[in-house]
Protein backbone atom coordinates (compact mmCIF):
# COMPACT_ATOMS: atom_id res chain seq x y z
CA MET A 1 -184.78 74.91 -154.04
CA HIS A 2 -185.04 71.29 -155.18
CA GLN A 3 -188.32 69.47 -155.69
CA PRO A 4 -188.50 66.15 -153.85
CA PRO A 5 -188.29 63.10 -156.12
CA ASP A 6 -191.50 61.54 -157.38
CA PRO A 7 -193.02 59.41 -154.57
CA SER A 8 -194.20 56.89 -157.18
CA LEU A 9 -190.59 55.89 -157.88
CA PRO A 10 -189.43 52.54 -156.51
CA ALA A 11 -188.41 53.23 -152.91
CA ILE A 12 -184.70 52.53 -153.39
CA ASP A 13 -184.55 54.74 -156.48
CA ARG A 14 -186.34 57.54 -154.64
CA LEU A 15 -183.89 57.26 -151.74
CA ARG A 16 -180.93 57.39 -154.11
CA ALA A 17 -182.42 60.47 -155.85
CA ILE A 18 -182.96 62.21 -152.50
CA VAL A 19 -179.36 61.60 -151.43
CA HIS A 20 -178.15 62.84 -154.82
CA LEU A 21 -180.07 66.10 -154.35
CA LEU A 22 -178.81 66.51 -150.81
CA ARG A 23 -175.25 66.37 -152.16
CA ALA A 24 -175.93 68.54 -155.23
CA PRO A 25 -175.33 72.30 -155.44
CA GLY A 26 -178.07 73.98 -153.47
CA GLY A 27 -178.49 70.89 -151.32
CA CYS A 28 -177.76 70.40 -147.63
CA PRO A 29 -174.48 71.98 -146.41
CA TRP A 30 -173.88 69.19 -143.91
CA ASP A 31 -174.41 66.41 -146.46
CA ILE A 32 -172.24 68.20 -149.00
CA GLU A 33 -169.37 68.43 -146.50
CA GLN A 34 -169.30 64.69 -145.76
CA THR A 35 -166.68 62.29 -147.04
CA GLN A 36 -166.51 58.52 -146.92
CA GLN A 37 -164.06 58.80 -144.03
CA SER A 38 -166.12 61.31 -142.06
CA LEU A 39 -169.18 59.04 -142.22
CA ILE A 40 -167.47 55.99 -140.71
CA PRO A 41 -168.67 56.82 -137.15
CA ASN A 42 -172.22 57.23 -138.46
CA LEU A 43 -172.05 53.89 -140.24
CA LEU A 44 -170.90 52.09 -137.09
CA GLU A 45 -173.43 53.88 -134.88
CA GLU A 46 -176.33 53.02 -137.19
CA ALA A 47 -175.22 49.38 -137.37
CA TYR A 48 -175.26 49.13 -133.57
CA GLU A 49 -178.63 50.88 -133.34
CA ALA A 50 -180.10 48.49 -135.91
CA ALA A 51 -178.71 45.53 -133.97
CA ASP A 52 -180.27 46.85 -130.77
CA ALA A 53 -183.66 47.24 -132.47
CA ILE A 54 -183.48 43.66 -133.71
CA ARG A 55 -182.50 42.35 -130.27
CA THR A 56 -185.48 44.07 -128.65
CA ASP A 57 -187.81 42.97 -131.47
CA ASN A 58 -189.20 46.49 -131.76
CA VAL A 59 -190.64 46.39 -135.28
CA GLU A 60 -191.12 50.14 -135.66
CA HIS A 61 -187.66 50.87 -134.29
CA MET A 62 -186.20 48.07 -136.42
CA ARG A 63 -187.67 49.50 -139.63
CA GLU A 64 -186.36 52.97 -138.79
CA GLU A 65 -182.86 51.86 -137.83
CA LEU A 66 -182.46 49.54 -140.81
CA GLY A 67 -183.48 52.50 -142.95
CA ASP A 68 -180.81 54.65 -141.30
CA LEU A 69 -178.25 51.93 -141.97
CA LEU A 70 -179.38 51.67 -145.59
CA LEU A 71 -178.98 55.45 -145.87
CA GLN A 72 -175.33 55.08 -144.89
CA VAL A 73 -174.77 52.57 -147.71
CA VAL A 74 -176.51 54.85 -150.21
CA MET A 75 -174.57 57.88 -148.97
CA GLN A 76 -171.22 56.09 -149.19
CA SER A 77 -172.07 54.91 -152.71
CA GLU A 78 -173.21 58.38 -153.80
CA ILE A 79 -169.98 60.00 -152.59
CA ALA A 80 -167.90 57.31 -154.31
CA SER A 81 -169.85 57.78 -157.56
CA GLU A 82 -168.98 61.50 -157.64
CA THR A 83 -165.36 60.62 -158.35
CA GLY A 84 -166.18 57.66 -160.59
CA ARG A 85 -165.06 55.05 -158.08
CA PHE A 86 -168.31 53.09 -157.88
CA GLY A 87 -172.03 53.59 -157.35
CA LEU A 88 -174.92 51.86 -155.64
CA ASP A 89 -175.61 49.71 -158.72
CA GLU A 90 -172.07 48.34 -158.62
CA VAL A 91 -172.37 47.65 -154.88
CA ALA A 92 -175.65 45.76 -155.38
CA ALA A 93 -174.37 43.91 -158.45
CA GLU A 94 -171.18 42.80 -156.70
CA VAL A 95 -172.95 41.39 -153.66
CA GLY A 96 -175.54 39.70 -155.90
CA ASP A 97 -172.83 38.04 -157.98
CA LYS A 98 -171.00 36.99 -154.82
CA LEU A 99 -174.12 35.33 -153.41
CA VAL A 100 -174.57 33.33 -156.60
CA ARG A 101 -170.90 32.26 -156.68
CA ARG A 102 -170.83 31.25 -153.03
CA HIS A 103 -174.06 29.24 -153.14
CA PRO A 104 -173.17 26.57 -155.72
CA HIS A 105 -175.51 24.20 -153.87
CA VAL A 106 -178.39 26.52 -154.79
CA PHE A 107 -177.30 27.93 -158.16
CA GLY A 108 -175.11 25.05 -159.33
CA ASP A 109 -174.58 21.31 -159.05
CA ASP A 110 -172.93 21.18 -155.63
CA GLU A 111 -174.70 19.66 -152.65
CA ALA A 112 -174.71 20.78 -149.02
CA GLY A 113 -176.34 18.58 -146.41
CA ASP A 114 -176.38 21.11 -143.60
CA SER A 115 -175.42 24.65 -142.66
CA GLY A 116 -171.99 23.48 -141.52
CA GLU A 117 -171.17 22.28 -145.02
CA VAL A 118 -172.53 25.54 -146.44
CA LEU A 119 -170.24 27.64 -144.25
CA LYS A 120 -167.21 25.48 -144.97
CA ARG A 121 -167.80 25.73 -148.73
CA TRP A 122 -168.37 29.49 -148.42
CA GLU A 123 -164.97 29.93 -146.77
CA GLU A 124 -163.24 27.76 -149.37
CA ILE A 125 -164.72 29.78 -152.23
CA LYS A 126 -163.98 33.07 -150.47
CA ARG A 127 -160.33 32.21 -149.91
CA ALA A 128 -159.94 31.00 -153.50
CA GLU A 129 -161.52 34.21 -154.83
CA LYS A 130 -159.19 36.36 -152.79
CA GLY A 131 -156.15 34.41 -153.93
CA ASP A 132 -155.28 33.19 -150.46
CA ALA A 133 -156.40 29.57 -150.63
CA LYS A 134 -153.20 28.73 -148.78
CA GLY A 135 -153.48 31.67 -146.41
CA GLY A 136 -154.08 31.49 -142.70
CA VAL A 137 -157.51 30.48 -141.41
CA LEU A 138 -157.74 33.67 -139.34
CA ASP A 139 -156.62 35.99 -142.14
CA GLY A 140 -159.04 38.70 -143.13
CA ILE A 141 -160.84 39.21 -139.81
CA PRO A 142 -161.43 42.97 -139.39
CA GLY A 143 -159.29 44.45 -136.63
CA GLY A 144 -161.80 47.12 -135.67
CA ILE A 145 -164.67 44.94 -134.46
CA PRO A 146 -165.37 44.67 -130.70
CA ALA A 147 -163.22 42.12 -128.90
CA LEU A 148 -166.18 39.96 -127.84
CA MET A 149 -167.39 39.76 -131.42
CA ARG A 150 -163.86 39.15 -132.71
CA ALA A 151 -163.47 36.19 -130.34
CA ALA A 152 -166.66 34.63 -131.69
CA VAL A 153 -165.59 35.20 -135.30
CA MET A 154 -162.17 33.64 -134.67
CA GLN A 155 -163.74 30.61 -133.02
CA LYS A 156 -166.16 30.15 -135.91
CA LYS A 157 -163.27 30.35 -138.37
CA VAL A 158 -161.25 27.60 -136.71
CA GLU A 159 -164.40 25.52 -136.21
CA LYS A 160 -164.68 25.23 -139.98
CA VAL A 161 -161.34 23.41 -140.16
CA GLY A 162 -162.24 21.06 -137.31
CA PHE A 163 -160.44 22.84 -134.45
CA ASP A 164 -163.32 22.90 -132.00
CA TRP A 165 -164.92 21.39 -128.94
CA PRO A 166 -167.19 18.40 -129.68
CA ASP A 167 -170.16 20.01 -127.92
CA ALA A 168 -171.16 22.69 -125.41
CA ALA A 169 -170.80 20.37 -122.42
CA ALA A 170 -167.11 19.88 -123.24
CA VAL A 171 -166.47 23.63 -122.87
CA ILE A 172 -167.72 23.82 -119.28
CA PRO A 173 -164.69 22.05 -117.73
CA LYS A 174 -162.49 24.51 -119.67
CA ILE A 175 -164.38 27.43 -118.12
CA ARG A 176 -163.88 25.91 -114.65
CA GLU A 177 -160.19 25.42 -115.43
CA GLU A 178 -159.80 29.05 -116.48
CA LEU A 179 -161.71 30.23 -113.38
CA ASP A 180 -159.42 28.14 -111.17
CA GLU A 181 -156.42 29.79 -112.82
CA VAL A 182 -157.90 33.23 -112.11
CA GLU A 183 -158.37 32.27 -108.45
CA GLU A 184 -154.82 30.92 -108.31
CA VAL A 185 -153.38 34.20 -109.61
CA LEU A 186 -155.51 36.19 -107.17
CA GLY A 187 -154.12 34.20 -104.26
CA ASP A 188 -155.02 34.62 -100.60
CA ASP A 189 -152.38 37.10 -99.48
CA GLY A 190 -153.54 40.08 -101.52
CA ALA A 191 -150.40 40.07 -103.66
CA ARG A 192 -150.97 39.38 -107.32
CA ASP A 193 -149.37 39.56 -110.74
CA GLU A 194 -151.52 42.04 -112.67
CA ALA A 195 -150.25 40.91 -116.08
CA ALA A 196 -150.94 37.25 -115.28
CA LEU A 197 -154.38 38.12 -113.90
CA ALA A 198 -155.26 40.08 -117.04
CA GLU A 199 -154.18 37.13 -119.19
CA GLU A 200 -156.22 34.60 -117.18
CA LEU A 201 -159.32 36.81 -117.14
CA GLY A 202 -159.00 37.12 -120.90
CA ASP A 203 -158.76 33.34 -121.23
CA LEU A 204 -161.88 32.98 -119.05
CA LEU A 205 -163.84 35.39 -121.23
CA PHE A 206 -162.67 33.60 -124.37
CA ALA A 207 -163.84 30.26 -122.95
CA VAL A 208 -167.26 31.71 -122.08
CA VAL A 209 -167.60 33.00 -125.65
CA ASN A 210 -166.85 29.45 -126.81
CA LEU A 211 -169.69 28.09 -124.68
CA ALA A 212 -172.14 30.66 -126.07
CA ARG A 213 -171.06 29.83 -129.64
CA LYS A 214 -171.47 26.07 -129.09
CA LEU A 215 -174.98 26.77 -127.79
CA LYS A 216 -175.60 28.74 -131.01
CA MET A 217 -176.02 31.99 -129.10
CA ASP A 218 -174.45 35.33 -129.93
CA PRO A 219 -172.24 36.44 -127.00
CA GLU A 220 -172.60 40.10 -127.96
CA SER A 221 -176.39 39.83 -127.77
CA LEU A 222 -176.22 37.87 -124.52
CA LEU A 223 -174.06 40.50 -122.86
CA ALA A 224 -176.22 43.31 -124.23
CA ALA A 225 -179.29 41.66 -122.69
CA ALA A 226 -177.47 41.15 -119.38
CA ASN A 227 -176.41 44.81 -119.39
CA GLU A 228 -179.99 45.92 -119.94
CA LYS A 229 -181.30 43.61 -117.20
CA PHE A 230 -178.73 44.97 -114.76
CA ALA A 231 -179.62 48.55 -115.69
CA ARG A 232 -183.35 47.89 -115.15
CA ARG A 233 -182.75 46.31 -111.76
CA PHE A 234 -180.37 49.00 -110.58
CA ARG A 235 -182.84 51.71 -111.57
CA LYS A 236 -185.35 49.83 -109.40
CA VAL A 237 -182.79 49.80 -106.56
CA GLU A 238 -182.53 53.58 -106.85
CA GLU A 239 -186.31 53.93 -106.81
CA LEU A 240 -186.62 51.74 -103.71
CA LEU A 241 -183.96 53.67 -101.81
CA GLU A 242 -185.39 57.03 -102.84
CA SER A 243 -188.89 55.98 -101.78
CA ALA A 244 -187.41 55.23 -98.34
CA GLY A 245 -185.90 58.73 -98.19
CA GLY A 246 -182.37 57.72 -99.12
CA SER A 247 -180.25 57.32 -102.22
CA ALA A 248 -177.94 54.82 -103.83
CA ALA A 249 -174.96 57.10 -103.26
CA ALA A 250 -175.62 57.35 -99.52
CA ALA A 251 -176.77 53.77 -98.89
CA SER A 252 -174.68 51.22 -97.05
CA THR A 253 -173.58 47.99 -98.67
CA ASP A 254 -176.24 46.09 -96.73
CA GLU A 255 -178.94 48.53 -97.83
CA LEU A 256 -177.87 48.25 -101.45
CA GLU A 257 -177.83 44.46 -101.26
CA SER A 258 -181.28 44.37 -99.64
CA ALA A 259 -182.73 46.68 -102.29
CA TRP A 260 -181.08 44.60 -105.02
CA GLU A 261 -182.67 41.39 -103.74
CA THR A 262 -186.05 43.13 -103.71
CA ALA A 263 -185.49 44.50 -107.22
CA LYS A 264 -184.71 40.98 -108.50
CA THR A 265 -188.15 39.77 -107.48
CA THR A 266 -190.05 42.89 -108.54
CA PRO A 267 -191.45 43.06 -112.09
CA VAL A 268 -189.99 46.00 -113.99
């Protein structure tokens, strides 16, 4: 049996010591079995849970979920250190050095008048560091991120080289144009080209992401909030129908619509 690390240790050192003991002989069988690859789903799940806590501004939940995310970083670093690849100190040192290098306006003689200049300089330094100063603007975007988030990242990348709408208002006609193209593909006779419809719907979504970005809003967060609002209202619809002796599954379209309109005006 291991003794827990001294609680008087600095919190990060105590966490690292706990993870080390969990992985050591006589530690936790589950933790010992894990690999960097096996923990990828946990890393992604904890990142999403932390994001959700931040969106809802739940301080207690936020602290817990950020801790769970930090645990994933410590665990990955501990496993890597066991084969001499790298450890938590190297991870922290590398990101610290990177922050200094990429903020020459703070730690050097460069100047940056606004956040736009900061981001442009960041990208220039990043591309030079990676040896692809002449590479494509969209190179290096992770392929595994959600499509909505990827669209926003791509748009931000091209914005930094000047390929962008002048303001949010300029995006709205583009959204209308894409919506018109969706309607055109749908047609009035019921016949439609599924491939063309899928392409136009994708273009419409991409344009809406552009509007959110120009308004300095995160489309992923906006959709998450809309999802939650819909879920709250539909649960209210179910409650209303059940209180009247029915159910959502058995209700007619008119009954569902009536309950929905009531739910929209009822505090939840």
